[in-house]
Amino acid sequence: MNRKIPSARHLSDDLYRVLETVHAKRSKSMGEEERGKYGMKNIVNVKFNKKENCLHVHFDDGNWWHYCPDGTWY
């Protein structure tokens, strides 16, 4: 997968698909202003948490979210 964002290049293709899928769903739930603050370009760090079986997705404003393989986030 050549189009990975720099902060997530280390993810496997499967985990990157989780990131893309959940991020798209989450973006659809936001208003326009919030979408501008939390786009893929605003992601600064992504870590897979094996114990929780989810991605910890960190944004440039200091906020972060759990992105789960079942398509949910919290």
N, C-alpha and C. Protein backbone atom coordinates (compact mmCIF):
# COMPACT_ATOMS: atom_id res chain seq x y z
N MET A 1 0.86 -1.17 0.00
CA MET A 1 0.00 0.00 0.00
C MET A 1 0.90 1.23 0.00
N ASN A 2 1.02 1.89 -1.13
CA ASN A 2 1.95 3.00 -1.29
C ASN A 2 1.43 4.33 -0.79
N ARG A 3 0.17 4.46 -0.55
CA ARG A 3 -0.40 5.76 -0.21
C ARG A 3 -0.50 6.01 1.30
N LYS A 4 0.18 5.25 2.10
CA LYS A 4 0.09 5.41 3.55
C LYS A 4 0.61 6.78 3.98
N ILE A 5 -0.06 7.34 4.98
CA ILE A 5 0.42 8.59 5.54
C ILE A 5 1.71 8.30 6.32
N PRO A 6 2.63 9.27 6.41
CA PRO A 6 3.92 9.02 7.06
C PRO A 6 3.82 8.48 8.49
N SER A 7 2.88 8.95 9.26
CA SER A 7 2.76 8.52 10.65
C SER A 7 2.22 7.10 10.82
N ALA A 8 1.81 6.48 9.71
CA ALA A 8 1.26 5.13 9.79
C ALA A 8 1.91 4.17 8.80
N ARG A 9 3.04 4.53 8.25
CA ARG A 9 3.71 3.65 7.27
C ARG A 9 4.14 2.32 7.88
N HIS A 10 4.33 2.30 9.18
CA HIS A 10 4.78 1.09 9.86
C HIS A 10 3.67 0.04 10.02
N LEU A 11 2.42 0.44 9.80
CA LEU A 11 1.30 -0.49 9.98
C LEU A 11 1.25 -1.51 8.84
N SER A 12 0.81 -2.70 9.16
CA SER A 12 0.56 -3.69 8.11
C SER A 12 -0.58 -3.17 7.23
N ASP A 13 -0.74 -3.73 6.07
CA ASP A 13 -1.82 -3.31 5.18
C ASP A 13 -3.18 -3.52 5.83
N ASP A 14 -3.35 -4.62 6.56
CA ASP A 14 -4.62 -4.89 7.24
C ASP A 14 -4.93 -3.83 8.29
N LEU A 15 -3.94 -3.47 9.10
CA LEU A 15 -4.16 -2.44 10.12
C LEU A 15 -4.38 -1.08 9.48
N TYR A 16 -3.71 -0.82 8.38
CA TYR A 16 -3.90 0.46 7.70
C TYR A 16 -5.33 0.55 7.15
N ARG A 17 -5.87 -0.57 6.68
CA ARG A 17 -7.26 -0.57 6.22
C ARG A 17 -8.22 -0.26 7.38
N VAL A 18 -7.90 -0.77 8.57
CA VAL A 18 -8.71 -0.44 9.76
C VAL A 18 -8.67 1.07 9.98
N LEU A 19 -7.48 1.64 9.93
CA LEU A 19 -7.32 3.09 10.11
C LEU A 19 -8.18 3.85 9.09
N GLU A 20 -8.07 3.50 7.83
CA GLU A 20 -8.81 4.20 6.79
C GLU A 20 -10.32 4.03 6.94
N THR A 21 -10.76 2.82 7.22
CA THR A 21 -12.20 2.53 7.32
C THR A 21 -12.83 3.27 8.50
N VAL A 22 -12.20 3.14 9.67
CA VAL A 22 -12.77 3.77 10.86
C VAL A 22 -12.67 5.29 10.74
N HIS A 23 -11.57 5.78 10.20
CA HIS A 23 -11.43 7.22 10.05
C HIS A 23 -12.51 7.78 9.12
N ALA A 24 -12.82 7.09 8.05
CA ALA A 24 -13.87 7.54 7.13
C ALA A 24 -15.22 7.57 7.83
N LYS A 25 -15.53 6.54 8.61
CA LYS A 25 -16.80 6.50 9.35
C LYS A 25 -16.86 7.64 10.36
N ARG A 26 -15.75 7.83 11.08
CA ARG A 26 -15.71 8.88 12.09
C ARG A 26 -15.86 10.26 11.44
N SER A 27 -15.20 10.46 10.31
CA SER A 27 -15.28 11.74 9.60
C SER A 27 -16.71 12.07 9.19
N LYS A 28 -17.45 11.05 8.77
CA LYS A 28 -18.85 11.27 8.36
C LYS A 28 -19.72 11.70 9.53
N SER A 29 -19.30 11.38 10.75
CA SER A 29 -20.10 11.73 11.92
C SER A 29 -19.80 13.13 12.44
N MET A 30 -18.79 13.79 11.86
CA MET A 30 -18.37 15.10 12.33
C MET A 30 -18.93 16.22 11.46
N GLY A 31 -18.95 17.40 12.04
CA GLY A 31 -19.28 18.60 11.28
C GLY A 31 -18.07 19.04 10.46
N GLU A 32 -18.27 20.00 9.59
CA GLU A 32 -17.22 20.44 8.69
C GLU A 32 -16.00 20.99 9.43
N GLU A 33 -16.21 21.79 10.44
CA GLU A 33 -15.09 22.37 11.19
C GLU A 33 -14.26 21.29 11.87
N GLU A 34 -14.93 20.35 12.51
CA GLU A 34 -14.24 19.26 13.20
C GLU A 34 -13.49 18.37 12.21
N ARG A 35 -14.08 18.12 11.05
CA ARG A 35 -13.41 17.33 10.00
C ARG A 35 -12.10 17.98 9.60
N GLY A 36 -12.09 19.31 9.54
CA GLY A 36 -10.87 20.04 9.18
C GLY A 36 -9.76 19.86 10.21
N LYS A 37 -10.14 19.69 11.47
CA LYS A 37 -9.15 19.51 12.54
C LYS A 37 -8.68 18.07 12.67
N TYR A 38 -9.47 17.13 12.19
CA TYR A 38 -9.17 15.71 12.40
C TYR A 38 -9.10 14.91 11.11
N GLY A 39 -8.50 15.50 10.09
CA GLY A 39 -8.29 14.79 8.84
C GLY A 39 -7.10 13.85 8.95
N MET A 40 -6.93 13.01 7.96
CA MET A 40 -5.78 12.09 7.94
C MET A 40 -4.47 12.87 8.02
N LYS A 41 -4.43 14.07 7.45
CA LYS A 41 -3.21 14.88 7.46
C LYS A 41 -2.86 15.36 8.87
N ASN A 42 -3.82 15.31 9.78
CA ASN A 42 -3.59 15.75 11.15
C ASN A 42 -3.15 14.64 12.09
N ILE A 43 -3.05 13.42 11.58
CA ILE A 43 -2.61 12.29 12.41
C ILE A 43 -1.09 12.35 12.55
N VAL A 44 -0.61 12.34 13.79
CA VAL A 44 0.83 12.43 14.03
C VAL A 44 1.45 11.14 14.52
N ASN A 45 0.62 10.23 15.04
CA ASN A 45 1.16 8.98 15.57
C ASN A 45 0.04 7.93 15.60
N VAL A 46 0.39 6.71 15.23
CA VAL A 46 -0.56 5.60 15.29
C VAL A 46 0.17 4.41 15.89
N LYS A 47 -0.42 3.84 16.93
CA LYS A 47 0.16 2.67 17.58
C LYS A 47 -0.90 1.58 17.69
N PHE A 48 -0.49 0.35 17.43
CA PHE A 48 -1.40 -0.78 17.64
C PHE A 48 -1.26 -1.25 19.07
N ASN A 49 -2.37 -1.34 19.79
CA ASN A 49 -2.39 -1.84 21.14
C ASN A 49 -2.93 -3.26 21.10
N LYS A 50 -2.03 -4.23 21.23
CA LYS A 50 -2.40 -5.64 21.11
C LYS A 50 -3.40 -6.05 22.19
N LYS A 51 -3.19 -5.59 23.41
CA LYS A 51 -4.07 -5.97 24.53
C LYS A 51 -5.51 -5.52 24.27
N GLU A 52 -5.68 -4.32 23.74
CA GLU A 52 -7.01 -3.78 23.47
C GLU A 52 -7.50 -4.13 22.06
N ASN A 53 -6.61 -4.68 21.23
CA ASN A 53 -6.89 -5.00 19.83
C ASN A 53 -7.48 -3.78 19.11
N CYS A 54 -6.77 -2.66 19.21
CA CYS A 54 -7.20 -1.45 18.53
C CYS A 54 -6.01 -0.56 18.22
N LEU A 55 -6.24 0.42 17.39
CA LEU A 55 -5.22 1.41 17.08
C LEU A 55 -5.44 2.62 17.98
N HIS A 56 -4.35 3.18 18.49
CA HIS A 56 -4.39 4.45 19.19
C HIS A 56 -3.96 5.49 18.16
N VAL A 57 -4.88 6.37 17.78
CA VAL A 57 -4.64 7.34 16.72
C VAL A 57 -4.53 8.73 17.35
N HIS A 58 -3.32 9.31 17.27
CA HIS A 58 -3.02 10.59 17.89
C HIS A 58 -3.02 11.71 16.85
N PHE A 59 -3.64 12.84 17.20
CA PHE A 59 -3.76 13.98 16.31
C PHE A 59 -2.86 15.12 16.78
N ASP A 60 -2.61 16.06 15.87
CA ASP A 60 -1.67 17.14 16.14
C ASP A 60 -2.13 18.12 17.22
N ASP A 61 -3.39 18.05 17.64
CA ASP A 61 -3.85 18.93 18.72
C ASP A 61 -3.75 18.25 20.09
N GLY A 62 -3.19 17.04 20.13
CA GLY A 62 -3.01 16.32 21.39
C GLY A 62 -4.10 15.32 21.70
N ASN A 63 -5.23 15.38 21.02
CA ASN A 63 -6.31 14.41 21.24
C ASN A 63 -5.99 13.10 20.53
N TRP A 64 -6.54 12.00 21.06
CA TRP A 64 -6.37 10.71 20.41
C TRP A 64 -7.60 9.86 20.63
N TRP A 65 -7.74 8.87 19.73
CA TRP A 65 -8.92 8.00 19.72
C TRP A 65 -8.49 6.55 19.54
N HIS A 66 -9.33 5.66 20.02
CA HIS A 66 -9.17 4.23 19.74
C HIS A 66 -9.93 3.94 18.45
N TYR A 67 -9.29 3.27 17.50
CA TYR A 67 -9.95 2.83 16.26
C TYR A 67 -9.92 1.30 16.29
N CYS A 68 -11.09 0.69 16.25
CA CYS A 68 -11.21 -0.77 16.43
C CYS A 68 -11.52 -1.48 15.12
N PRO A 69 -11.03 -2.73 14.99
CA PRO A 69 -11.26 -3.51 13.77
C PRO A 69 -12.74 -3.73 13.43
N ASP A 70 -13.63 -3.63 14.41
CA ASP A 70 -15.05 -3.82 14.14
C ASP A 70 -15.71 -2.56 13.57
N GLY A 71 -14.89 -1.51 13.33
CA GLY A 71 -15.39 -0.29 12.71
C GLY A 71 -15.82 0.78 13.69
N THR A 72 -15.63 0.54 14.97
CA THR A 72 -16.02 1.51 15.99
C THR A 72 -14.81 2.34 16.43
N TRP A 73 -15.10 3.41 17.13
CA TRP A 73 -14.06 4.26 17.71
C TRP A 73 -14.58 4.79 19.03
N TYR A 74 -13.65 5.14 19.89
CA TYR A 74 -14.04 5.76 21.18
C TYR A 74 -12.85 6.53 21.71
